[in-house]
Amino acid sequence: MKKLFMVFAIVGACTTVAVAQDSSATSKSSTDKMQHHEMKDCIEMQGGKVVVMKGSTVSALSNDLTLTNGTVVKSDGTVKSSDGTTTKLQEGEKIDMDGKMIKKDGTSTPPQK
């Protein structure tokens, strides 16, 4: 009887460990998907520098970049919309290639026309 109890205890412990490992693997893969989703083509202020992210490539913005809606992003983070308004990217803020601004908290503003 003691041997049978020990077998059930060991099987139960192994099952618990296996389930716990499967859960962490699932959450890692969903985290990876979120990080990949965040790597959409955009311009971002990182560490006080403006960087361009295209696919899996990240490079410093060295020249003015004109977006599809006419917005111009300068290497110092100045963003001049096609309607003439000027703002400056803050740390962690992004602007996609269509001109949509994405704040650090994930909220966004539609692109200017």
C-alpha atoms as a PDB file:
ATOM      1  CA  MET A   1       0.000   0.000   0.000  1.00  0.00           C
ATOM      2  CA  LYS A   2       2.851   2.378   0.845  1.00  0.00           C
ATOM      3  CA  LYS A   3       4.489   1.651  -2.513  1.00  0.00           C
ATOM      4  CA  LEU A   4       1.248   2.392  -4.353  1.00  0.00           C
ATOM      5  CA  PHE A   5       0.872   5.693  -2.494  1.00  0.00           C
ATOM      6  CA  MET A   6       4.467   6.660  -3.378  1.00  0.00           C
ATOM      7  CA  VAL A   7       3.858   5.890  -7.066  1.00  0.00           C
ATOM      8  CA  PHE A   8       0.750   8.129  -7.095  1.00  0.00           C
ATOM      9  CA  ALA A   9       2.646  10.904  -5.293  1.00  0.00           C
ATOM     10  CA  ILE A  10       5.519  10.792  -7.806  1.00  0.00           C
ATOM     11  CA  VAL A  11       3.177  10.705 -10.824  1.00  0.00           C
ATOM     12  CA  GLY A  12       1.199  13.618  -9.372  1.00  0.00           C
ATOM     13  CA  ALA A  13       4.352  15.674  -8.798  1.00  0.00           C
ATOM     14  CA  CYS A  14       5.623  14.984 -12.325  1.00  0.00           C
ATOM     15  CA  THR A  15       2.264  15.950 -13.831  1.00  0.00           C
ATOM     16  CA  THR A  16       2.229  19.221 -11.876  1.00  0.00           C
ATOM     17  CA  VAL A  17       5.724  20.097 -13.081  1.00  0.00           C
ATOM     18  CA  ALA A  18       4.843  19.272 -16.703  1.00  0.00           C
ATOM     19  CA  VAL A  19       1.692  21.422 -16.613  1.00  0.00           C
ATOM     20  CA  ALA A  20       3.582  24.334 -15.050  1.00  0.00           C
ATOM     21  CA  GLN A  21       6.229  24.144 -17.781  1.00  0.00           C
ATOM     22  CA  ASP A  22       3.588  24.096 -20.527  1.00  0.00           C
ATOM     23  CA  SER A  23       1.945  27.234 -19.094  1.00  0.00           C
ATOM     24  CA  SER A  24       5.182  29.196 -19.062  1.00  0.00           C
ATOM     25  CA  ALA A  25       5.991  28.094 -22.606  1.00  0.00           C
ATOM     26  CA  THR A  26       2.582  29.315 -23.758  1.00  0.00           C
ATOM     27  CA  SER A  27       2.980  32.696 -22.097  1.00  0.00           C
ATOM     28  CA  LYS A  28       6.474  33.085 -23.549  1.00  0.00           C
ATOM     29  CA  SER A  29       5.191  32.460 -27.051  1.00  0.00           C
ATOM     30  CA  SER A  30       2.363  34.971 -26.601  1.00  0.00           C
ATOM     31  CA  THR A  31       4.902  37.497 -25.278  1.00  0.00           C
ATOM     32  CA  ASP A  32       7.072  36.851 -28.334  1.00  0.00           C
ATOM     33  CA  LYS A  33       4.052  37.448 -30.567  1.00  0.00           C
ATOM     34  CA  MET A  34       3.345  40.755 -28.809  1.00  0.00           C
ATOM     35  CA  GLN A  35       6.954  41.866 -29.191  1.00  0.00           C
ATOM     36  CA  HIS A  36       6.924  40.882 -32.857  1.00  0.00           C
ATOM     37  CA  HIS A  37       3.648  42.752 -33.326  1.00  0.00           C
ATOM     38  CA  GLU A  38       5.247  45.850 -31.803  1.00  0.00           C
ATOM     39  CA  MET A  39       8.028  45.692 -34.397  1.00  0.00           C
ATOM     40  CA  LYS A  40       5.747  47.151 -37.082  1.00  0.00           C
ATOM     41  CA  ASP A  41       7.563  49.604 -39.346  1.00  0.00           C
ATOM     42  CA  CYS A  42       7.781  52.871 -37.434  1.00  0.00           C
ATOM     43  CA  ILE A  43       9.988  55.640 -36.086  1.00  0.00           C
ATOM     44  CA  GLU A  44      10.626  55.732 -32.326  1.00  0.00           C
ATOM     45  CA  MET A  45      12.500  57.874 -29.804  1.00  0.00           C
ATOM     46  CA  GLN A  46      14.835  55.473 -27.947  1.00  0.00           C
ATOM     47  CA  GLY A  47      17.458  56.633 -25.487  1.00  0.00           C
ATOM     48  CA  GLY A  48      17.174  60.204 -26.746  1.00  0.00           C
ATOM     49  CA  LYS A  49      17.797  59.129 -30.353  1.00  0.00           C
ATOM     50  CA  VAL A  50      15.359  58.731 -33.217  1.00  0.00           C
ATOM     51  CA  VAL A  51      15.450  55.251 -34.727  1.00  0.00           C
ATOM     52  CA  VAL A  52      13.701  53.735 -37.732  1.00  0.00           C
ATOM     53  CA  MET A  53      12.379  50.187 -37.390  1.00  0.00           C
ATOM     54  CA  LYS A  54      11.691  48.367 -40.656  1.00  0.00           C
ATOM     55  CA  GLY A  55      11.053  44.650 -40.385  1.00  0.00           C
ATOM     56  CA  SER A  56      13.728  43.343 -38.038  1.00  0.00           C
ATOM     57  CA  THR A  57      16.187  46.173 -38.827  1.00  0.00           C
ATOM     58  CA  VAL A  58      16.698  49.102 -36.451  1.00  0.00           C
ATOM     59  CA  SER A  59      18.804  52.065 -37.574  1.00  0.00           C
ATOM     60  CA  ALA A  60      19.350  55.671 -36.509  1.00  0.00           C
ATOM     61  CA  LEU A  61      17.445  58.317 -38.461  1.00  0.00           C
ATOM     62  CA  SER A  62      20.108  60.476 -40.087  1.00  0.00           C
ATOM     63  CA  ASN A  63      18.054  62.403 -42.675  1.00  0.00           C
ATOM     64  CA  ASP A  64      14.520  63.797 -42.759  1.00  0.00           C
ATOM     65  CA  LEU A  65      11.969  61.088 -43.509  1.00  0.00           C
ATOM     66  CA  THR A  66       8.689  61.865 -45.289  1.00  0.00           C
ATOM     67  CA  LEU A  67       5.833  59.515 -44.402  1.00  0.00           C
ATOM     68  CA  THR A  68       3.018  58.385 -46.691  1.00  0.00           C
ATOM     69  CA  ASN A  69       0.677  61.165 -45.495  1.00  0.00           C
ATOM     70  CA  GLY A  70       3.247  63.936 -46.036  1.00  0.00           C
ATOM     71  CA  THR A  71       4.383  64.162 -42.393  1.00  0.00           C
ATOM     72  CA  VAL A  72       8.126  64.830 -42.074  1.00  0.00           C
ATOM     73  CA  VAL A  73      10.163  63.343 -39.194  1.00  0.00           C
ATOM     74  CA  LYS A  74      13.540  64.964 -38.506  1.00  0.00           C
ATOM     75  CA  SER A  75      16.543  63.305 -36.891  1.00  0.00           C
ATOM     76  CA  ASP A  76      16.080  65.374 -33.698  1.00  0.00           C
ATOM     77  CA  GLY A  77      12.548  63.956 -33.224  1.00  0.00           C
ATOM     78  CA  THR A  78      10.671  66.954 -34.612  1.00  0.00           C
ATOM     79  CA  VAL A  79       7.504  65.855 -36.415  1.00  0.00           C
ATOM     80  CA  LYS A  80       5.961  68.296 -38.888  1.00  0.00           C
ATOM     81  CA  SER A  81       2.495  67.210 -40.007  1.00  0.00           C
ATOM     82  CA  SER A  82       1.238  67.900 -43.495  1.00  0.00           C
ATOM     83  CA  ASP A  83      -1.144  70.500 -41.995  1.00  0.00           C
ATOM     84  CA  GLY A  84       1.868  72.442 -40.633  1.00  0.00           C
ATOM     85  CA  THR A  85       1.610  71.539 -36.929  1.00  0.00           C
ATOM     86  CA  THR A  86       4.904  70.651 -35.274  1.00  0.00           C
ATOM     87  CA  THR A  87       5.469  68.325 -32.321  1.00  0.00           C
ATOM     88  CA  LYS A  88       8.467  66.478 -30.950  1.00  0.00           C
ATOM     89  CA  LEU A  89       8.703  62.762 -30.222  1.00  0.00           C
ATOM     90  CA  GLN A  90       9.148  62.021 -26.520  1.00  0.00           C
ATOM     91  CA  GLU A  91      11.024  59.000 -25.158  1.00  0.00           C
ATOM     92  CA  GLY A  92       9.157  55.794 -26.083  1.00  0.00           C
ATOM     93  CA  GLU A  93       6.734  57.465 -28.481  1.00  0.00           C
ATOM     94  CA  LYS A  94       6.373  56.097 -32.008  1.00  0.00           C
ATOM     95  CA  ILE A  95       4.958  57.203 -35.307  1.00  0.00           C
ATOM     96  CA  ASP A  96       4.052  54.664 -37.954  1.00  0.00           C
ATOM     97  CA  MET A  97       4.782  55.084 -41.659  1.00  0.00           C
ATOM     98  CA  ASP A  98       1.246  56.418 -42.212  1.00  0.00           C
ATOM     99  CA  GLY A  99       1.748  59.203 -39.652  1.00  0.00           C
ATOM    100  CA  LYS A 100      -0.205  57.688 -36.741  1.00  0.00           C
ATOM    101  CA  MET A 101       1.358  58.726 -33.397  1.00  0.00           C
ATOM    102  CA  ILE A 102       1.548  56.037 -30.702  1.00  0.00           C
ATOM    103  CA  LYS A 103       2.136  57.241 -27.140  1.00  0.00           C
ATOM    104  CA  LYS A 104       4.082  55.271 -24.514  1.00  0.00           C
ATOM    105  CA  ASP A 105       0.810  54.089 -22.949  1.00  0.00           C
ATOM    106  CA  GLY A 106      -0.313  52.599 -26.277  1.00  0.00           C
ATOM    107  CA  THR A 107      -2.914  55.236 -27.127  1.00  0.00           C
ATOM    108  CA  SER A 108      -2.719  56.624 -30.615  1.00  0.00           C
ATOM    109  CA  THR A 109      -3.826  59.586 -32.662  1.00  0.00           C
ATOM    110  CA  PRO A 110      -4.962  59.222 -36.251  1.00  0.00           C
ATOM    111  CA  PRO A 111      -2.631  60.471 -38.959  1.00  0.00           C
ATOM    112  CA  GLN A 112      -3.132  64.005 -40.274  1.00  0.00           C
ATOM    113  CA  LYS A 113      -4.460  64.179 -43.827  1.00  0.00           C
END
